[in-house]
Protein backbone atom coordinates (compact mmCIF):
# COMPACT_ATOMS: atom_id res chain seq x y z
CA MET A 1 143.82 62.66 29.63
CA PRO A 2 141.14 64.44 27.52
CA THR A 3 140.56 68.12 28.18
CA VAL A 4 137.38 69.09 29.99
CA LYS A 5 135.48 71.77 28.12
CA TYR A 6 133.25 72.85 31.01
CA GLN A 7 134.56 73.24 34.53
CA ARG A 8 132.85 72.74 37.87
CA GLY A 9 130.64 75.70 38.72
CA ASP A 10 130.16 76.85 35.10
CA MET A 11 126.65 78.06 34.26
CA VAL A 12 125.74 76.59 30.88
CA MET A 13 122.66 75.51 28.92
CA GLY A 14 121.79 71.80 29.14
CA ARG A 15 119.42 69.96 26.82
CA TRP A 16 116.51 68.26 28.62
CA PRO A 17 116.58 64.51 27.73
CA GLY A 18 114.11 63.49 25.05
CA SER A 19 113.52 67.05 23.82
CA SER A 20 115.20 69.94 22.01
CA LEU A 21 114.77 72.31 24.94
CA TYR A 22 117.72 73.81 26.77
CA TYR A 23 117.64 75.01 30.37
CA GLU A 24 120.14 76.83 32.48
CA VAL A 25 122.21 74.38 34.55
CA LYS A 26 125.28 74.39 36.76
CA VAL A 27 128.12 71.94 36.15
CA LEU A 28 128.88 69.85 39.25
CA HIS A 29 131.62 67.53 37.98
CA PHE A 30 132.87 65.53 35.01
CA GLU A 31 133.19 61.74 35.02
CA ALA A 32 136.19 60.79 32.89
CA ASN A 33 135.25 57.11 32.56
CA SER A 34 131.74 57.67 31.25
CA GLN A 35 132.54 61.04 29.60
CA LEU A 36 129.42 62.51 31.22
CA TYR A 37 128.87 65.84 32.93
CA THR A 38 126.77 65.88 36.10
CA VAL A 39 124.69 69.06 36.08
CA ILE A 40 122.00 70.46 38.34
CA TYR A 41 118.97 72.46 37.26
CA LYS A 42 117.63 75.42 39.22
CA ASP A 43 114.98 73.30 40.95
CA GLY A 44 117.54 70.76 42.20
CA THR A 45 117.13 68.13 39.46
CA GLU A 46 120.47 66.42 38.85
CA LEU A 47 121.22 64.68 35.54
CA GLU A 48 124.17 63.33 33.59
CA LEU A 49 124.59 64.85 30.12
CA LYS A 50 126.94 64.29 27.21
CA GLU A 51 129.12 67.13 26.00
CA GLN A 52 127.08 67.55 22.81
CA ASP A 53 123.98 68.16 24.96
CA ILE A 54 125.61 71.16 26.63
CA LYS A 55 126.09 74.59 25.08
CA SER A 56 127.64 77.82 26.26
CA ALA A 57 125.18 80.29 27.76
CA ALA A 58 126.61 83.00 25.51
CA GLY A 59 125.12 81.26 22.48
CA PHE A 60 121.56 81.78 23.73
CA GLN A 61 120.75 85.44 23.09
CA ALA A 62 117.35 87.01 23.12
CA ARG A 63 115.81 87.09 19.67
CA PRO A 64 115.07 90.54 18.19
CA ARG A 65 111.51 91.69 18.65
CA SER A 66 109.34 91.18 15.60
CA ARG A 67 108.10 94.30 13.87
CA SER A 68 104.81 92.67 13.05
CA ARG A 69 101.73 93.56 15.06
CA SER A 70 101.25 90.02 16.26
CA ARG A 71 100.61 89.18 19.89
CA SER A 72 103.43 89.82 22.30
CA PRO A 73 105.30 86.77 23.51
CA GLY A 74 104.81 88.05 27.03
CA ARG A 75 101.04 87.57 26.80
CA ARG A 76 100.18 84.14 28.09
CA ARG A 77 96.57 83.38 28.70
CA SER A 78 96.81 79.72 27.88
CA ARG A 79 96.35 77.32 30.77
CA SER A 80 98.09 74.38 29.14
CA ARG A 81 99.67 71.69 31.20
CA SER A 82 103.29 71.90 32.30
CA PRO A 83 105.89 69.59 30.71
CA ALA A 84 105.91 67.47 33.87
CA ARG A 85 102.25 66.50 33.40
CA THR A 86 100.80 64.19 30.82
CA ALA A 87 98.56 66.15 28.49
CA ARG A 88 95.48 64.76 26.80
CA PRO A 89 95.82 64.64 23.02
CA SER A 90 94.09 67.45 21.15
CA CYS A 91 94.15 68.93 17.70
CA THR A 92 95.90 72.05 19.02
CA ALA A 93 98.63 70.03 20.69
CA ALA A 94 99.03 67.86 17.59
CA ALA A 95 99.36 70.94 15.43
CA ALA A 96 101.92 72.38 17.81
CA VAL A 97 104.00 69.21 17.64
CA ALA A 98 103.77 69.26 13.86
CA ALA A 99 104.93 72.87 13.81
CA ALA A 100 107.88 72.05 16.03
CA ALA A 101 108.79 69.12 13.77
CA ILE A 102 108.66 71.35 10.70
CA THR A 103 110.87 73.89 12.42
CA GLU A 104 113.48 71.31 13.38
CA SER A 105 113.58 69.51 10.03
CA ALA A 106 113.36 72.44 7.65
CA PRO A 107 116.56 74.16 6.40
CA PRO A 108 117.30 77.54 7.97
CA SER A 109 116.38 79.37 4.81
CA ARG A 110 112.87 77.91 4.85
CA ARG A 111 112.18 77.99 8.57
CA ASP A 112 110.75 81.48 8.77
CA ALA A 113 108.39 80.82 5.87
CA LYS A 114 107.25 77.58 7.44
CA LEU A 115 106.61 79.22 10.76
CA LYS A 116 104.41 81.92 9.24
CA ASP A 117 101.93 79.25 8.22
CA SER A 118 102.12 77.23 11.38
CA LEU A 119 101.24 77.64 15.00
CA GLU A 120 103.43 79.73 17.23
CA VAL A 121 104.63 77.49 20.05
CA ARG A 122 106.18 78.97 23.16
CA LEU A 123 107.30 76.67 25.90
CA MET A 124 107.91 77.94 29.40
CA PRO A 125 109.28 75.92 32.30
CA PRO A 126 106.89 74.18 34.68
CA GLU A 127 106.28 75.43 38.16
CA GLN A 128 108.60 73.92 40.68
CA THR A 129 106.75 71.23 42.54
CA LYS A 130 107.33 70.10 46.05
CA ASP A 131 108.74 66.65 46.62
CA PRO A 132 106.48 64.20 48.41
CA GLU A 133 107.27 63.68 52.03
CA ASN A 134 108.48 60.39 53.50
CA ASN A 135 106.18 59.73 56.35
CA GLY A 136 108.04 57.79 59.02
CA SER A 137 110.59 56.54 56.55
CA THR A 138 113.18 53.93 57.33
CA LYS A 139 116.85 54.76 56.96
CA HIS A 140 117.09 53.50 53.40
CA GLY A 141 114.83 55.74 51.39
CA LYS A 142 114.43 56.52 47.70
CA GLN A 143 115.69 59.59 45.97
CA GLU A 144 113.04 61.71 44.29
CA ASP A 145 113.53 64.17 41.42
CA ASN A 146 111.80 67.33 40.25
CA GLU A 147 111.38 68.54 36.73
CA PRO A 148 113.54 71.44 35.47
CA ALA A 149 112.27 74.90 36.20
CA SER A 150 114.26 77.28 33.99
CA LYS A 151 114.23 77.62 30.23
CA VAL A 152 116.49 79.35 27.72
CA ASN A 153 115.67 82.34 25.49
CA GLU A 154 113.64 84.03 28.21
CA LYS A 155 113.08 87.58 27.02
CA SER A 156 112.16 89.35 30.21
CA GLU A 157 111.81 88.83 33.92
CA PRO A 158 108.00 88.52 33.86
CA GLU A 159 108.27 85.63 31.44
CA LYS A 160 110.37 83.69 33.94
CA ASN A 161 107.48 83.67 36.36
CA GLN A 162 104.82 82.41 33.94
CA SER A 163 105.18 78.67 34.21
CA ARG A 164 102.98 77.20 31.54
CA TYR A 165 102.76 76.50 27.81
CA ASN A 166 101.32 78.99 25.39
CA LEU A 167 99.86 77.42 22.24
CA ARG A 168 97.97 79.79 20.00
CA ARG A 169 97.80 80.94 16.38
CA ARG A 170 99.74 83.98 15.26
CA LYS A 171 97.73 87.08 14.69
CA ASP A 172 98.80 89.42 11.90
CA ASP A 173 96.29 92.19 12.51
CA GLY A 174 94.75 93.94 15.50
CA ASP A 175 94.71 97.12 17.43
CA GLY A 176 98.28 98.07 18.42
CA LYS A 177 97.15 100.28 21.27
CA ALA A 178 94.93 97.59 22.76
CA GLU A 179 97.74 95.08 22.54
CA ALA A 180 100.22 97.46 24.20
CA LYS A 181 97.76 98.05 27.03
CA ALA A 182 97.19 94.32 27.44
CA GLU A 183 100.94 93.78 27.53
CA ARG A 184 101.34 96.32 30.33
CA LEU A 185 98.54 94.71 32.33
CA GLU A 186 100.03 91.25 31.95
CA GLU A 187 103.48 92.54 32.93
CA GLN A 188 101.96 93.98 36.11
CA GLU A 189 100.23 90.68 36.86
CA ALA A 190 103.51 88.83 36.31
CA LYS A 191 105.33 91.13 38.73
CA MET A 192 102.63 90.59 41.35
CA ALA A 193 102.87 86.84 40.86
CA ALA A 194 106.64 87.00 41.23
CA ALA A 195 106.37 88.95 44.47
CA ALA A 196 103.83 86.53 45.95
CA PRO A 197 105.21 83.68 48.07
CA PRO A 198 105.31 80.27 46.36
CA SER A 199 102.40 78.00 47.12
CA VAL A 200 103.24 75.02 49.31
CA SER A 201 101.30 71.78 49.25
CA LEU A 202 100.71 70.78 52.88
CA ASP A 203 100.69 67.15 53.90
CA PHE A 204 99.89 65.37 57.18
CA GLY A 205 96.43 66.97 57.10
CA GLY A 206 97.71 70.51 56.61
CA LYS A 207 97.35 73.06 59.40
CA PRO A 208 94.68 71.19 61.40
CA GLY A 209 96.71 68.01 61.01
CA ALA A 210 99.77 69.68 62.53
CA TYR A 211 97.86 70.31 65.77
CA PHE A 212 96.60 66.72 65.76
CA TRP A 213 100.05 65.15 65.31
CA LEU A 214 101.66 67.44 67.86
CA LEU A 215 99.21 66.10 70.44
CA PHE A 216 98.70 62.55 69.22
CA LEU A 217 102.33 61.39 68.85
CA PRO A 218 103.40 62.07 72.46
CA ALA A 219 100.07 60.72 73.74
CA TRP A 220 100.48 57.51 71.74
CA VAL A 221 104.01 56.87 73.02
CA LEU A 222 102.77 57.49 76.57
CA PHE A 223 99.92 55.03 76.04
CA LEU A 224 102.30 52.32 74.77
CA VAL A 225 104.72 52.82 77.68
CA LEU A 226 101.91 52.62 80.26
CA LYS A 227 100.31 49.67 78.48
CA VAL A 228 103.44 47.51 78.29
CA ASN A 229 104.05 48.11 82.01
CA GLN A 230 100.71 46.51 82.96
CA GLU A 231 100.60 42.95 84.30
CA ASP A 232 97.92 42.19 81.72
CA PRO A 233 98.62 44.33 78.61
CA SER A 234 95.63 42.99 76.68
CA LEU A 235 93.39 45.39 74.79
CA ALA A 236 90.49 44.38 77.01
CA ASN A 237 92.31 45.98 79.94
CA PHE A 238 91.80 49.53 78.67
CA PRO A 239 92.64 52.24 79.51
CA PRO A 240 95.85 51.68 81.45
CA PRO A 241 95.84 53.15 84.97
CA TRP A 242 97.11 56.73 85.17
CA PRO A 243 100.15 56.97 87.47
CA PRO A 244 100.69 59.85 89.94
CA LEU A 245 102.00 63.04 88.35
CA GLU A 246 105.23 62.96 90.35
CA SER A 247 106.14 59.62 88.74
CA PHE A 248 106.50 61.29 85.33
CA TRP A 249 109.54 63.31 86.36
CA ASP A 250 112.97 62.32 87.55
CA ALA A 251 115.92 64.72 87.43
CA LYS A 252 118.36 61.84 87.31
CA ALA A 253 116.59 60.48 84.20
CA LEU A 254 116.90 63.87 82.48
CA GLY A 255 120.59 63.99 83.37
CA PHE A 256 121.07 60.49 81.98
CA VAL A 257 119.44 61.50 78.65
CA VAL A 258 121.49 64.70 78.35
CA LEU A 259 124.72 62.88 79.23
CA TRP A 260 124.01 60.20 76.62
CA ILE A 261 123.41 62.79 73.91
CA LEU A 262 126.57 64.73 74.81
CA PHE A 263 128.59 61.51 74.72
CA GLN A 264 127.30 60.84 71.20
CA VAL A 265 128.13 64.43 70.20
CA LEU A 266 131.71 63.86 71.35
CA LEU A 267 132.01 60.69 69.27
CA TYR A 268 130.50 62.45 66.24
CA ILE A 269 132.96 65.35 66.20
CA LEU A 270 136.06 63.17 66.59
CA PRO A 271 138.17 63.25 63.38
CA VAL A 272 137.57 59.55 62.81
CA GLY A 273 135.89 58.02 59.79
CA LYS A 274 135.12 59.13 56.26
CA LEU A 275 133.99 62.59 55.15
CA SER A 276 131.11 61.89 52.76
CA GLU A 277 129.46 64.27 50.31
CA GLY A 278 125.72 64.73 50.46
CA MET A 279 123.40 65.12 47.49
CA PRO A 280 123.45 68.48 45.67
CA LEU A 281 121.33 71.20 47.23
CA ARG A 282 119.22 73.60 45.18
CA SER A 283 122.24 75.90 45.09
CA GLY A 284 124.40 73.10 43.69
CA GLU A 285 126.43 72.87 46.90
CA ARG A 286 127.29 69.48 48.44
CA LEU A 287 127.61 69.37 52.23
CA LYS A 288 130.20 67.24 53.98
CA TYR A 289 129.19 64.66 56.63
CA ARG A 290 131.34 62.73 59.07
CA THR A 291 130.11 59.14 58.63
CA ASN A 292 131.59 57.41 61.68
CA GLY A 293 128.38 55.98 63.11
CA PHE A 294 129.64 52.40 63.31
CA PHE A 295 132.71 53.63 65.20
CA ALA A 296 130.41 55.48 67.62
CA MET A 297 128.36 52.32 68.14
CA VAL A 298 131.45 50.21 68.94
CA VAL A 299 132.87 52.79 71.35
CA SER A 300 129.46 53.14 73.02
CA GLY A 301 129.28 49.36 73.47
CA VAL A 302 132.74 49.26 75.04
CA ALA A 303 131.86 52.15 77.36
CA VAL A 304 128.62 50.47 78.47
CA ALA A 305 130.40 47.15 79.09
CA ALA A 306 133.05 48.95 81.15
CA ALA A 307 130.35 50.74 83.18
CA VAL A 308 128.61 47.44 83.95
CA GLN A 309 131.94 45.92 84.93
CA GLN A 310 132.44 48.81 87.37
CA GLY A 311 129.07 48.12 88.99
CA ALA A 312 126.68 50.41 87.10
CA ASP A 313 123.09 49.17 87.38
CA LEU A 314 121.57 49.44 83.90
CA THR A 315 118.30 47.98 85.13
CA TYR A 316 117.57 51.59 86.11
CA ILE A 317 116.52 52.04 82.48
CA HIS A 318 113.73 49.45 82.92
CA SER A 319 112.51 50.78 86.27
CA HIS A 320 112.54 54.40 85.03
CA PHE A 321 111.40 53.77 81.46
CA LEU A 322 108.52 56.27 81.73
CA GLN A 323 110.71 59.03 83.21
CA LEU A 324 113.36 58.51 80.52
CA ALA A 325 110.70 58.75 77.81
CA VAL A 326 109.33 61.98 79.30
CA SER A 327 112.85 63.44 79.59
CA SER A 328 113.59 62.58 75.96
CA PHE A 329 110.31 64.21 74.97
CA LEU A 330 111.29 67.43 76.78
CA VAL A 331 114.67 67.44 75.01
CA SER A 332 112.95 66.98 71.62
CA VAL A 333 110.60 69.91 72.35
CA LEU A 334 113.51 72.16 73.37
CA LEU A 335 115.46 71.14 70.28
CA SER A 336 112.46 71.73 68.01
CA SER A 337 111.90 75.19 69.54
CA TYR A 338 115.55 76.11 68.99
CA LEU A 339 115.35 74.89 65.39
CA TYR A 340 112.23 76.93 64.69
CA VAL A 341 113.67 80.12 66.18
CA ARG A 342 116.98 79.85 64.33
CA SER A 343 115.21 79.15 61.02
CA GLY A 344 113.97 82.75 61.09
CA ARG A 345 117.54 83.86 60.33
CA ALA A 346 118.12 81.28 57.59
CA ALA A 347 118.36 82.32 53.94
CA ALA A 348 115.55 81.32 51.59
CA GLU A 349 117.67 78.70 49.82
CA GLN A 350 118.40 77.04 53.18
CA LEU A 351 114.71 76.34 53.90
CA ALA A 352 112.94 73.11 53.03
CA LEU A 353 110.31 73.47 50.32
CA GLY A 354 107.63 71.77 52.42
CA GLY A 355 108.23 73.50 55.74
CA SER A 356 107.76 77.17 54.92
CA SER A 357 103.98 77.47 54.85
CA GLY A 358 103.84 80.55 57.08
CA HIS A 359 101.71 78.69 59.65
CA VAL A 360 103.54 78.46 62.98
CA ALA A 361 102.22 75.07 64.16
CA TYR A 362 102.73 73.38 60.78
CA ASP A 363 106.23 74.76 60.26
CA PHE A 364 107.19 73.89 63.85
CA PHE A 365 106.01 70.32 63.27
CA LYS A 366 107.43 69.81 59.78
CA GLY A 367 110.65 71.82 60.17
CA ARG A 368 111.69 74.92 58.21
CA GLU A 369 115.46 74.68 57.81
CA LEU A 370 116.72 71.86 55.61
CA ASN A 371 120.24 71.39 57.00
CA PRO A 372 120.62 73.28 60.31
CA ARG A 373 124.27 73.34 61.28
CA ILE A 374 126.43 74.77 64.05
CA LYS A 375 129.60 75.33 62.04
CA TYR A 376 130.30 71.83 60.68
CA PHE A 377 128.03 69.99 63.15
CA ASP A 378 124.92 68.87 61.26
CA LEU A 379 122.06 68.61 63.76
CA LYS A 380 119.68 66.60 61.57
CA PHE A 381 122.26 64.05 60.41
CA PHE A 382 123.47 63.56 63.98
CA CYS A 383 120.00 62.97 65.42
CA GLU A 384 118.95 60.65 62.59
CA MET A 385 121.63 58.02 63.24
CA ARG A 386 123.18 58.47 66.68
CA PRO A 387 121.30 59.05 69.97
CA GLY A 388 118.11 57.17 69.09
CA LEU A 389 119.47 54.25 67.08
CA ILE A 390 122.42 53.48 69.33
CA GLY A 391 120.19 54.21 72.33
CA TRP A 392 117.77 51.58 71.01
CA CYS A 393 120.51 48.95 71.41
CA LEU A 394 121.46 50.26 74.86
CA ILE A 395 117.86 50.01 76.08
CA ASN A 396 117.51 46.47 74.69
CA PHE A 397 120.68 45.39 76.52
CA ALA A 398 119.43 46.95 79.76
CA LEU A 399 116.10 45.15 79.37
CA ALA A 400 117.92 41.83 78.95
CA LEU A 401 119.71 42.49 82.27
CA ALA A 402 116.36 43.40 83.85
CA GLU A 403 114.87 40.08 82.67
CA MET A 404 117.75 38.16 84.27
CA LYS A 405 117.29 40.08 87.52
CA ARG A 406 113.50 39.73 87.67
CA GLN A 407 113.31 36.09 86.56
CA GLY A 408 116.41 34.96 88.51
CA LEU A 409 118.18 33.78 85.34
CA GLU A 410 121.89 33.36 84.79
CA ALA A 411 121.45 34.35 81.14
CA PRO A 412 118.69 36.03 79.14
CA SER A 413 115.97 33.83 77.67
CA HIS A 414 116.31 32.59 74.09
CA ALA A 415 113.51 34.93 73.01
CA MET A 416 115.27 37.96 74.57
CA ILE A 417 118.57 36.99 72.96
CA LEU A 418 116.92 36.73 69.53
CA VAL A 419 115.23 40.12 69.83
CA ASN A 420 118.47 41.76 70.98
CA LEU A 421 120.61 40.18 68.27
CA PHE A 422 118.11 40.78 65.46
CA GLN A 423 117.66 44.45 66.25
CA LEU A 424 121.37 44.93 66.94
CA LEU A 425 122.12 43.56 63.46
CA TYR A 426 119.60 45.95 61.93
CA VAL A 427 121.14 49.00 63.65
CA ALA A 428 124.71 47.89 62.95
CA ASP A 429 123.89 47.45 59.27
CA GLY A 430 122.38 50.95 59.10
CA LEU A 431 125.44 52.51 60.78
CA TRP A 432 127.90 50.49 58.67
CA ASN A 433 126.10 51.80 55.56
CA GLU A 434 125.55 55.24 57.11
CA GLU A 435 126.42 56.99 53.84
CA ALA A 436 123.22 55.61 52.29
CA ILE A 437 121.05 57.86 54.48
CA LEU A 438 122.37 60.87 52.56
CA THR A 439 120.06 59.94 49.65
CA THR A 440 116.90 59.51 51.75
CA MET A 441 113.92 61.83 51.84
CA ASP A 442 114.68 62.81 55.45
CA LEU A 443 118.07 64.26 54.55
CA MET A 444 117.31 65.56 51.05
CA HIS A 445 113.90 67.18 51.36
CA ASP A 446 112.46 67.22 54.90
CA GLY A 447 113.09 70.16 57.16
CA PHE A 448 114.33 69.45 60.68
CA GLY A 449 111.53 70.14 63.12
CA PHE A 450 109.45 68.39 65.75
CA MET A 451 108.48 65.50 63.44
CA LEU A 452 112.05 64.28 62.97
CA ALA A 453 113.37 65.38 66.37
CA PHE A 454 110.59 63.52 68.20
CA GLY A 455 110.94 60.51 65.92
CA ASP A 456 114.71 60.28 66.41
CA LEU A 457 114.86 60.89 70.16
CA VAL A 458 111.55 59.43 71.43
CA TRP A 459 109.70 57.30 68.89
CA VAL A 460 112.61 55.04 67.88
CA PRO A 461 114.16 54.25 71.28
CA PHE A 462 110.88 53.94 73.24
CA THR A 463 108.56 52.16 70.79
CA TYR A 464 110.99 49.94 68.88
CA THR A 465 112.04 48.38 72.21
CA LEU A 466 108.53 47.16 73.10
CA GLN A 467 109.32 43.51 72.28
CA ALA A 468 112.27 43.45 74.69
CA TYR A 469 110.29 45.28 77.38
CA TYR A 470 107.42 42.82 77.01
CA LEU A 471 109.78 39.84 77.49
CA VAL A 472 111.17 41.17 80.80
CA SER A 473 108.05 40.04 82.65
CA ARG A 474 106.84 37.40 80.17
CA PRO A 475 109.74 35.24 78.90
CA THR A 476 108.49 32.98 76.11
CA PRO A 477 109.98 29.47 75.80
CA LEU A 478 111.02 28.52 72.27
CA SER A 479 111.61 25.01 70.98
CA PRO A 480 114.71 24.28 68.83
CA PRO A 481 112.60 24.03 65.61
CA ALA A 482 110.96 27.38 66.42
CA LEU A 483 114.34 28.93 67.08
CA ALA A 484 115.70 27.64 63.78
CA ALA A 485 112.64 28.85 61.85
CA ILE A 486 112.77 32.36 63.33
CA VAL A 487 116.51 32.69 62.72
CA THR A 488 116.07 31.51 59.12
CA LEU A 489 113.27 34.02 58.57
CA LYS A 490 115.44 36.84 59.91
CA LEU A 491 118.42 35.90 57.74
CA VAL A 492 116.28 35.63 54.60
CA GLY A 493 114.70 39.03 55.27
CA PHE A 494 118.07 40.63 55.97
CA TYR A 495 119.58 39.13 52.81
CA ILE A 496 116.77 40.48 50.63
CA PHE A 497 116.90 43.86 52.37
CA ARG A 498 120.66 44.28 52.04
CA LYS A 499 121.05 42.87 48.51
CA SER A 500 118.22 44.93 47.07
CA ASN A 501 119.41 48.15 48.69
CA SER A 502 123.00 47.53 47.58
CA GLU A 503 121.80 46.83 44.05
CA LYS A 504 119.78 50.05 44.00
CA ASN A 505 122.53 52.21 45.51
CA ALA A 506 125.19 50.86 43.11
CA PHE A 507 122.95 51.50 40.11
CA ARG A 508 122.09 54.99 41.35
CA ARG A 509 125.73 55.97 41.81
CA ASN A 510 127.03 54.61 38.49
CA PRO A 511 124.48 53.17 36.04
CA SER A 512 127.26 52.45 33.52
CA ASP A 513 129.17 50.19 35.93
CA PRO A 514 130.20 47.04 33.97
CA GLN A 515 129.23 44.91 36.96
CA LEU A 516 125.63 46.07 36.46
CA SER A 517 125.54 45.49 32.71
CA HIS A 518 123.36 42.39 33.16
CA LEU A 519 120.54 44.43 34.67
CA LYS A 520 117.60 45.33 32.42
CA THR A 521 116.12 48.81 32.56
CA ILE A 522 113.33 50.96 31.13
CA PRO A 523 114.46 54.46 30.07
CA THR A 524 112.37 57.46 31.12
CA ALA A 525 112.03 61.04 29.92
CA THR A 526 113.80 62.30 33.06
CA GLY A 527 117.10 60.78 31.95
CA ARG A 528 116.95 58.09 34.63
CA SER A 529 116.12 54.43 34.14
CA LEU A 530 113.90 52.00 36.04
CA LEU A 531 115.36 48.66 37.10
CA VAL A 532 113.29 45.67 35.93
CA SER A 533 115.66 42.82 36.72
CA GLY A 534 117.56 41.49 39.69
CA TRP A 535 115.66 41.90 42.94
CA TRP A 536 113.86 44.90 41.46
CA GLY A 537 112.39 42.65 38.81
CA VAL A 538 110.77 40.36 41.37
CA VAL A 539 108.69 43.03 43.14
CA ARG A 540 108.65 46.82 42.95
CA HIS A 541 109.88 47.23 46.52
CA PRO A 542 112.11 44.27 47.46
CA ASN A 543 113.67 46.31 50.27
CA TYR A 544 110.19 46.66 51.80
CA LEU A 545 109.77 42.88 51.55
CA GLY A 546 113.03 42.35 53.45
CA ASP A 547 111.96 44.88 56.08
CA LEU A 548 108.64 43.12 56.51
CA LEU A 549 110.23 39.69 57.02
CA MET A 550 112.65 41.11 59.59
CA ALA A 551 109.83 42.83 61.48
CA LEU A 552 107.99 39.50 61.59
CA ALA A 553 111.09 37.81 63.02
CA TRP A 554 111.27 40.45 65.77
CA SER A 555 107.73 39.74 66.92
CA LEU A 556 107.58 35.94 66.73
CA PRO A 557 109.83 35.37 69.82
CA CYS A 558 107.16 37.11 71.93
CA GLY A 559 104.50 34.53 71.13
CA PHE A 560 100.81 35.15 70.47
CA SER A 561 99.40 35.76 73.95
CA HIS A 562 99.03 39.52 73.48
CA LEU A 563 98.81 41.91 70.56
CA LEU A 564 101.12 44.56 72.05
CA PRO A 565 104.48 43.00 71.06
CA TRP A 566 103.11 42.79 67.52
CA TYR A 567 102.60 46.54 67.49
CA TYR A 568 105.74 47.21 65.46
CA MET A 569 104.78 44.58 62.88
CA ILE A 570 101.31 46.12 62.43
CA TYR A 571 102.67 49.65 62.39
CA PHE A 572 105.31 48.74 59.83
CA LEU A 573 102.80 46.96 57.58
CA ILE A 574 100.54 50.04 57.55
CA LEU A 575 103.56 52.24 56.90
CA LEU A 576 104.71 50.16 53.94
CA VAL A 577 101.26 50.17 52.32
CA HIS A 578 101.09 53.94 52.74
CA ARG A 579 104.55 54.47 51.30
CA ASP A 580 103.81 52.16 48.39
CA SER A 581 100.65 54.09 47.57
CA ARG A 582 102.55 57.38 47.78
CA ASP A 583 105.34 56.06 45.54
CA MET A 584 102.86 54.79 42.97
CA SER A 585 101.14 58.15 42.54
CA GLU A 586 104.37 60.14 42.52
CA CYS A 587 106.19 57.84 40.08
CA ARG A 588 103.20 57.79 37.72
CA ARG A 589 103.23 61.59 37.72
CA LYS A 590 106.98 61.78 37.20
CA TYR A 591 107.63 58.96 34.71
CA GLY A 592 104.31 58.85 32.83
CA SER A 593 104.04 56.06 30.25
CA ALA A 594 107.41 54.59 31.31
CA TRP A 595 105.93 53.89 34.75
CA ASP A 596 102.91 52.17 33.20
CA GLU A 597 105.27 49.95 31.23
CA TYR A 598 107.23 49.25 34.41
CA CYS A 599 104.04 48.23 36.26
CA ARG A 600 103.15 45.83 33.45
CA THR A 601 106.64 44.32 33.63
CA VAL A 602 106.88 44.08 37.44
CA ARG A 603 103.36 43.16 38.51
CA TYR A 604 103.67 42.71 42.27
CA ARG A 605 104.39 45.55 44.66
CA ILE A 606 105.85 44.05 47.87
CA ILE A 607 104.92 40.36 48.24
CA PRO A 608 105.32 38.12 45.16
CA ARG A 609 102.01 36.63 43.92
CA VAL A 610 100.15 38.27 46.82
CA TYR A 611 100.42 42.06 46.73
């Protein structure tokens, strides 16, 4: 077995792909098969580098200060673009590139002479940028990367905080006193900039938007619950009647919600299932997660079946749907408040980049702490996959029993069976592939606050079940050809969804896998490659296409009498268009010309020959 030169945890200098620049990185592990080191930069960017692209940190010493009276390297008035942004061509930039080329190609004995007649080029690392947020993402998201944020040969602490290029001509004469004074002023400015808190780009409408979403999201769920409970849920019958205030609260419903969550906590902490490693944090650490969600789903199903066999009336869920939704909302508010309070004691590296704005309402909504844990119990990971998703299936099953009771049926209608089976398959697939959520935006970048807590505990179980709730009072007859067509549509959508996600995840984990050698790619300056064959050569988001077809199959069994059961389909279509637009702008910023080439190769975004 070949010896490994650099060990896990070593701080070394790694060459940035496509350049001659070295940045400080931390070694995560070494892959013997591919002979590649996985390293992480200070801003969280993770890349695989060859051994020849890594050097010992001891070899990068500060250069001795020049005795000439030229400008100090610490003076940086240039406002040039950072390496992560595409710069417009200019004569200054062209001259700088030429100077760098001369420096690299010339022998050491001639380099100094060449540099005296050329431009002085100093390259500093770009400012660390915040990752885009995944608004209402599904459980199979895309991993985003930042550009590196630390460069070698930094002479002083103030230089580390000046994140921009400096391209200017050397100056061989000038007033030494004036230059010394200017240096002191710029050092003071750099120290002030270092002490200032980092700027955070706010999304969701910023601070005013946080107030809007905190009010709108609960109000919208309440509107949907009241609307679906009407005898005529058409849009013409608006607004829905407001029930008495006492009908919003039921202590038994709150107890049911709390008991369900505690039961899922018990299943989560059992030493059953695989311990999976998450993606590297900014510190380089990888957290461990107990991925036993499918086990929890099976045990929950057995427990529910046993309860029904013992005489438990699950139709209570249908008759107290509003009270259960209100109780879940209260639990999400209490959880969000606890998360916000405890984040005040969290270290800076434990906070999410996008949730530390300093504005109370925004940080409460977005979430400050990235991975809040009680010892080894990860609160965000638990809520993402357990109470809401498995509760979605429980509510659907209870609504099928309610349909049988209300309609006097010996078995649920064909439409109710399709909705239950389709959505059960979707949840089971997500829990079977639970490890995939560790690479999503929710887990990697979003803080855990009201947005995710409300989405996991209220939005998913009480809006994704609208089709089943609608069918309780309005069973829709389906002919055998209609049944066959809907089932076929669901299976096609699921096949595209699963195959494309599996293809992406396999390529992301090991791009050099021989089984993926047939796939064509476009290399990028970040060290990653873009897939342009397989399902990812048909459209840019084949997983979105599969999701869209499955959402259509969920709505078709409800017929076309009302728009309400098509709510999820409409919501999901708007969500996909939004996410596609977000991905386009972010990938163009990150990959530059490689993304333009990718768009020319893969023309359609989600639907072939349509969009």
